[in-house]
Amino acid sequence: MPFAFVKSLSSPNVIYDSKKQWFGETKEGVKQYAKEFQQSKIKIMLKPQIWVWNGVYTGTIKMKSEDEWRELEQSYEDFILVFAKVAEEINAEIFCIGTELEQFVINRPEYWKKLIKKIRKVYSGKLTYAANWDEFKRVDFWEDLDFIGIDAYFPLSDQKSPTLKDFEKGWQPHKNEIIQVQSKFNKPVLFTEYGYRSVNFTGKEPWKSDRIEGDINLENQQKALQALYNQFWKEDWFAGGFVWKWFHNHKEVGGEDNNRFTPQNKPAELTIKKMYENSK
């Protein structure tokens, strides 16, 4: 996930592949780590992503003038085509053309359709876009992509510690909307991100990633993941998904005193392992 940066929600300049970034976010870093993944027979979705410097939500990036929109379009195109070429070079199975850019997508629909055509000229694999959970219904270029991509942080329950049945019940209205969009465009659905923190109320606002400690609830995380697998994994139109968040230094992360998203070294890890073993 190579990040690029913009200074504010109205800044048109996309900054990327900088020496100030982590090596893994640069072109050469992506190539190096891709080799390591492929040696372990791990398939790759390359997902370049924008980060606003003060951490605000990228879905509200919006320019103040036509000139600024055009400047943003060119800057973003330069960024995304660089990494589309990297994706082709490393033989990545999937390339994600953007992540949670709702206002950019809504305000510049023709730009995105043209951009997809340009990407296909330099990248021969499958394409998706990572729409936020409350955005995917309004994306109008799914027909031009290979997957309907959703960052699946849907709210499922207001309860402190829901049952598995509660979590599954919470999926029903969202699943119905997903099915409607899938049926309209006849494209497989890919959860470009999914995951839950190991905290109380994990199903209430699953997208929240604050750094507050405490309220550890390992069972909540496990049940929320199991509910997702129960609801989606056997659907013919569902292509799978990418767990948020998995770290390379497995023995040093997660654990039973960790309330973050990672399922590593927690009961949820066993749930994921079992699901994949049963999917073989």
Protein backbone atom coordinates (compact mmCIF):
# COMPACT_ATOMS: atom_id res chain seq x y z
CA MET A 1 0.00 0.00 0.00
CA PRO A 2 2.21 2.86 -1.22
CA PHE A 3 0.88 6.11 0.23
CA ALA A 4 0.85 9.52 -1.39
CA PHE A 5 0.15 12.70 0.53
CA VAL A 6 -1.82 15.90 0.10
CA LYS A 7 -1.41 18.82 2.47
CA SER A 8 -5.11 19.55 2.89
CA LEU A 9 -8.54 18.59 1.59
CA SER A 10 -8.32 21.34 -1.03
CA SER A 11 -4.70 20.85 -2.07
CA PRO A 12 -4.32 19.63 -5.68
CA ASN A 13 -0.73 18.41 -5.38
CA VAL A 14 -0.19 14.69 -4.77
CA ILE A 15 3.23 14.00 -3.24
CA TYR A 16 4.61 10.48 -3.66
CA ASP A 17 7.74 8.32 -4.03
CA SER A 18 9.65 10.65 -1.73
CA LYS A 19 12.90 9.89 0.08
CA LYS A 20 11.15 11.04 3.25
CA GLN A 21 8.67 8.15 3.04
CA TRP A 22 9.06 4.64 4.38
CA PHE A 23 10.96 2.54 1.87
CA GLY A 24 8.00 0.19 1.38
CA GLU A 25 5.91 3.10 0.07
CA THR A 26 8.34 3.92 -2.73
CA LYS A 27 8.53 2.34 -6.17
CA GLU A 28 11.67 0.40 -5.34
CA GLY A 29 10.31 -0.64 -1.97
CA VAL A 30 7.16 -2.05 -3.54
CA LYS A 31 9.23 -4.05 -6.01
CA GLN A 32 11.46 -5.48 -3.29
CA TYR A 33 8.61 -6.55 -1.01
CA ALA A 34 6.64 -7.95 -3.93
CA LYS A 35 9.47 -10.41 -4.58
CA GLU A 36 9.34 -11.54 -0.96
CA PHE A 37 5.57 -12.03 -1.09
CA GLN A 38 5.75 -13.96 -4.32
CA GLN A 39 8.48 -16.21 -2.98
CA SER A 40 5.98 -17.14 -0.26
CA LYS A 41 3.27 -17.65 -2.92
CA ILE A 42 1.25 -14.67 -1.71
CA LYS A 43 -0.85 -12.97 -4.36
CA ILE A 44 -0.78 -9.19 -4.55
CA MET A 45 -3.24 -6.35 -4.86
CA LEU A 46 -1.29 -3.12 -5.21
CA LYS A 47 -3.36 -0.38 -3.58
CA PRO A 48 -1.84 3.12 -3.87
CA GLN A 49 -3.61 5.41 -1.44
CA ILE A 50 -3.79 9.09 -0.51
CA TRP A 51 -3.25 10.33 3.03
CA VAL A 52 -4.24 13.85 4.05
CA TRP A 53 -1.49 15.22 6.29
CA ASN A 54 -3.76 16.07 9.22
CA GLY A 55 -5.42 12.66 9.02
CA VAL A 56 -8.88 13.76 7.89
CA TYR A 57 -11.07 11.54 5.74
CA THR A 58 -10.01 11.40 2.09
CA GLY A 59 -13.60 11.06 0.91
CA THR A 60 -14.05 14.79 1.47
CA ILE A 61 -11.14 15.91 -0.73
CA LYS A 62 -12.69 18.62 -2.90
CA MET A 63 -11.22 21.45 -4.93
CA LYS A 64 -12.43 25.06 -4.88
CA SER A 65 -12.09 25.86 -8.58
CA GLU A 66 -12.03 24.22 -11.99
CA ASP A 67 -8.33 24.99 -12.36
CA GLU A 68 -7.58 23.23 -9.08
CA TRP A 69 -9.67 20.22 -10.10
CA ARG A 70 -7.67 19.92 -13.32
CA GLU A 71 -4.42 20.24 -11.40
CA LEU A 72 -5.51 17.49 -9.01
CA GLU A 73 -6.56 15.27 -11.90
CA GLN A 74 -3.16 15.54 -13.55
CA SER A 75 -1.27 15.07 -10.30
CA TYR A 76 -3.33 12.02 -9.33
CA GLU A 77 -2.98 10.56 -12.82
CA ASP A 78 0.80 10.89 -12.65
CA PHE A 79 0.80 9.14 -9.27
CA ILE A 80 -1.53 6.31 -10.17
CA LEU A 81 0.07 5.55 -13.54
CA VAL A 82 3.50 5.29 -11.94
CA PHE A 83 2.23 2.55 -9.66
CA ALA A 84 0.11 0.94 -12.37
CA LYS A 85 3.36 0.41 -14.26
CA VAL A 86 4.95 -0.99 -11.09
CA ALA A 87 1.97 -3.35 -10.72
CA GLU A 88 2.55 -4.58 -14.27
CA GLU A 89 6.27 -5.02 -13.64
CA ILE A 90 5.74 -7.11 -10.50
CA ASN A 91 2.83 -9.06 -12.03
CA ALA A 92 0.39 -7.99 -9.32
CA GLU A 93 -2.89 -9.84 -9.73
CA ILE A 94 -5.03 -6.78 -8.90
CA PHE A 95 -4.48 -3.04 -9.07
CA CYS A 96 -6.67 -0.67 -7.05
CA ILE A 97 -7.15 2.66 -8.83
CA GLY A 98 -8.14 4.65 -5.73
CA THR A 99 -9.35 4.41 -2.15
CA GLU A 100 -12.26 6.21 -0.49
CA LEU A 101 -12.27 9.30 -2.72
CA GLU A 102 -16.01 9.92 -2.79
CA GLN A 103 -16.11 13.65 -3.58
CA PHE A 104 -13.39 13.28 -6.20
CA VAL A 105 -15.36 10.45 -7.81
CA ILE A 106 -18.75 12.18 -7.64
CA ASN A 107 -17.54 15.54 -8.93
CA ARG A 108 -15.33 14.26 -11.76
CA PRO A 109 -17.03 11.14 -13.21
CA GLU A 110 -15.67 11.49 -16.76
CA TYR A 111 -12.14 11.87 -15.47
CA TRP A 112 -12.30 8.48 -13.77
CA LYS A 113 -13.59 6.71 -16.85
CA LYS A 114 -10.76 8.18 -18.92
CA LEU A 115 -8.23 7.33 -16.21
CA ILE A 116 -9.32 3.68 -16.20
CA LYS A 117 -8.67 3.47 -19.94
CA LYS A 118 -5.19 4.95 -19.46
CA ILE A 119 -4.43 2.48 -16.67
CA ARG A 120 -5.45 -0.46 -18.84
CA LYS A 121 -2.90 0.63 -21.44
CA VAL A 122 -0.03 0.07 -18.98
CA TYR A 123 -1.43 -2.65 -16.70
CA SER A 124 -2.86 -5.96 -17.90
CA GLY A 125 -4.25 -7.40 -14.64
CA LYS A 126 -7.56 -6.95 -12.86
CA LEU A 127 -8.78 -3.54 -11.68
CA THR A 128 -10.88 -2.37 -8.77
CA TYR A 129 -11.62 0.76 -6.76
CA ALA A 130 -11.89 0.71 -2.95
CA ALA A 131 -15.15 2.50 -2.16
CA ASN A 132 -15.99 3.26 1.43
CA TRP A 133 -18.84 1.20 2.89
CA ASP A 134 -21.28 4.10 2.52
CA GLU A 135 -19.99 5.15 -0.92
CA PHE A 136 -20.10 2.06 -3.14
CA LYS A 137 -23.75 2.53 -4.18
CA ARG A 138 -22.92 5.88 -5.81
CA VAL A 139 -19.90 4.82 -7.86
CA ASP A 140 -20.91 4.80 -11.53
CA PHE A 141 -17.84 3.24 -13.15
CA TRP A 142 -18.08 -0.31 -11.76
CA GLU A 143 -18.90 -1.50 -15.27
CA ASP A 144 -15.41 -0.41 -16.36
CA LEU A 145 -13.64 -2.40 -13.63
CA ASP A 146 -13.25 -6.10 -12.85
CA PHE A 147 -14.36 -6.03 -9.21
CA ILE A 148 -16.75 -3.95 -7.13
CA GLY A 149 -14.38 -2.99 -4.34
CA ILE A 150 -15.65 -2.13 -0.86
CA ASP A 151 -13.83 -1.15 2.31
CA ALA A 152 -16.31 -3.11 4.38
CA TYR A 153 -16.51 -1.26 7.68
CA PHE A 154 -20.30 -1.49 7.84
CA PRO A 155 -21.94 -0.77 11.21
CA LEU A 156 -23.46 -4.02 12.47
CA SER A 157 -24.56 -3.58 16.08
CA ASP A 158 -24.79 -0.95 18.83
CA GLN A 159 -24.35 -3.60 21.51
CA LYS A 160 -21.29 -3.83 23.74
CA SER A 161 -20.81 -7.53 23.06
CA PRO A 162 -23.19 -8.85 20.37
CA THR A 163 -23.78 -12.52 19.74
CA LEU A 164 -22.75 -14.12 16.47
CA LYS A 165 -26.42 -14.05 15.47
CA ASP A 166 -26.58 -10.31 16.26
CA PHE A 167 -23.61 -9.62 14.01
CA GLU A 168 -25.13 -11.65 11.19
CA LYS A 169 -28.48 -9.89 11.58
CA GLY A 170 -26.67 -6.56 11.32
CA TRP A 171 -25.31 -7.59 7.94
CA GLN A 172 -28.71 -8.13 6.32
CA PRO A 173 -29.58 -4.59 5.13
CA HIS A 174 -26.01 -4.01 3.94
CA LYS A 175 -25.83 -7.36 2.19
CA ASN A 176 -29.08 -6.62 0.38
CA GLU A 177 -27.65 -3.35 -0.93
CA ILE A 178 -24.44 -5.09 -2.00
CA ILE A 179 -26.48 -7.70 -3.89
CA GLN A 180 -28.44 -4.95 -5.66
CA VAL A 181 -25.27 -3.25 -6.89
CA GLN A 182 -23.66 -6.56 -7.80
CA SER A 183 -26.73 -7.57 -9.80
CA LYS A 184 -26.84 -4.23 -11.61
CA PHE A 185 -23.23 -4.39 -12.82
CA ASN A 186 -22.76 -8.18 -12.83
CA LYS A 187 -19.29 -7.90 -11.32
CA PRO A 188 -17.82 -9.90 -8.42
CA VAL A 189 -17.57 -8.11 -5.09
CA LEU A 190 -14.19 -7.77 -3.40
CA PHE A 191 -13.77 -6.48 0.14
CA THR A 192 -10.68 -4.35 -0.46
CA GLU A 193 -10.44 -3.96 3.32
CA TYR A 194 -12.29 -5.63 6.16
CA GLY A 195 -11.56 -6.02 9.83
CA TYR A 196 -12.59 -5.27 13.39
CA ARG A 197 -10.81 -4.08 16.48
CA SER A 198 -10.73 -6.34 19.53
CA VAL A 199 -12.78 -3.93 21.65
CA ASN A 200 -16.22 -3.49 23.17
CA PHE A 201 -18.78 -2.12 20.68
CA THR A 202 -16.59 -3.21 17.76
CA GLY A 203 -19.64 -3.49 15.50
CA LYS A 204 -20.92 0.04 16.17
CA GLU A 205 -18.37 2.08 14.20
CA PRO A 206 -15.90 -0.47 12.81
CA TRP A 207 -13.95 2.19 10.90
CA LYS A 208 -12.75 3.95 14.05
CA SER A 209 -9.01 3.63 14.58
CA ASP A 210 -8.30 5.88 17.56
CA ARG A 211 -5.42 5.11 19.86
CA ILE A 212 -7.41 4.82 23.08
CA GLU A 213 -6.24 1.88 25.15
CA GLY A 214 -8.39 -0.57 27.11
CA ASP A 215 -11.83 -2.09 26.58
CA ILE A 216 -10.24 -5.22 25.14
CA ASN A 217 -12.78 -7.72 23.85
CA LEU A 218 -11.12 -10.50 21.88
CA GLU A 219 -14.35 -12.43 21.46
CA ASN A 220 -16.04 -9.48 19.75
CA GLN A 221 -13.38 -9.41 17.05
CA GLN A 222 -13.62 -13.15 16.54
CA LYS A 223 -17.42 -13.17 16.30
CA ALA A 224 -17.52 -10.20 13.94
CA LEU A 225 -15.12 -11.89 11.54
CA GLN A 226 -16.99 -15.18 11.75
CA ALA A 227 -20.25 -13.42 10.93
CA LEU A 228 -18.69 -11.86 7.83
CA TYR A 229 -17.39 -15.23 6.68
CA ASN A 230 -20.75 -16.88 7.31
CA GLN A 231 -22.57 -14.25 5.30
CA PHE A 232 -20.28 -13.86 2.30
CA TRP A 233 -17.63 -16.50 1.76
CA LYS A 234 -19.84 -19.05 0.03
CA GLU A 235 -21.61 -16.58 -2.25
CA ASP A 236 -20.77 -17.19 -5.92
CA TRP A 237 -20.51 -13.46 -6.59
CA PHE A 238 -18.08 -12.81 -3.72
CA ALA A 239 -14.39 -12.73 -4.63
CA GLY A 240 -12.91 -12.57 -1.12
CA GLY A 241 -11.15 -9.81 0.74
CA PHE A 242 -8.09 -8.36 2.43
CA VAL A 243 -7.84 -8.37 6.22
CA TRP A 244 -6.97 -5.11 7.92
CA LYS A 245 -4.40 -5.21 9.40
CA TRP A 246 -1.65 -7.81 9.11
CA PHE A 247 1.99 -7.13 10.02
CA HIS A 248 5.13 -8.87 8.79
CA ASN A 249 6.72 -9.21 12.26
CA HIS A 250 4.14 -11.73 13.41
CA LYS A 251 5.62 -12.70 16.77
CA GLU A 252 5.94 -9.07 17.89
CA VAL A 253 2.41 -7.79 17.21
CA GLY A 254 -1.14 -8.31 18.40
CA GLY A 255 -1.72 -10.56 21.37
CA GLU A 256 -4.35 -10.70 24.05
CA ASP A 257 -3.53 -7.25 25.48
CA ASN A 258 -3.89 -5.55 22.08
CA ASN A 259 -7.11 -3.75 21.10
CA ARG A 260 -6.12 -2.77 17.55
CA PHE A 261 -7.34 -4.17 14.24
CA THR A 262 -4.72 -6.87 13.82
CA PRO A 263 -6.06 -10.39 14.49
CA GLN A 264 -2.53 -11.72 14.95
CA ASN A 265 -1.89 -13.81 18.05
CA LYS A 266 -5.55 -13.49 19.04
CA PRO A 267 -8.50 -15.92 18.83
CA ALA A 268 -9.54 -14.17 15.60
CA GLU A 269 -6.38 -15.43 13.91
CA LEU A 270 -7.54 -19.01 14.42
CA THR A 271 -10.93 -18.09 12.95
CA ILE A 272 -9.25 -16.75 9.82
CA LYS A 273 -6.95 -19.75 9.56
CA LYS A 274 -9.84 -22.19 9.87
CA MET A 275 -11.88 -20.34 7.26
CA TYR A 276 -9.08 -20.46 4.70
CA GLU A 277 -8.33 -24.10 5.43
CA ASN A 278 -11.98 -24.95 4.81
CA SER A 279 -11.94 -22.95 1.58
CA LYS A 280 -9.22 -25.03 -0.07
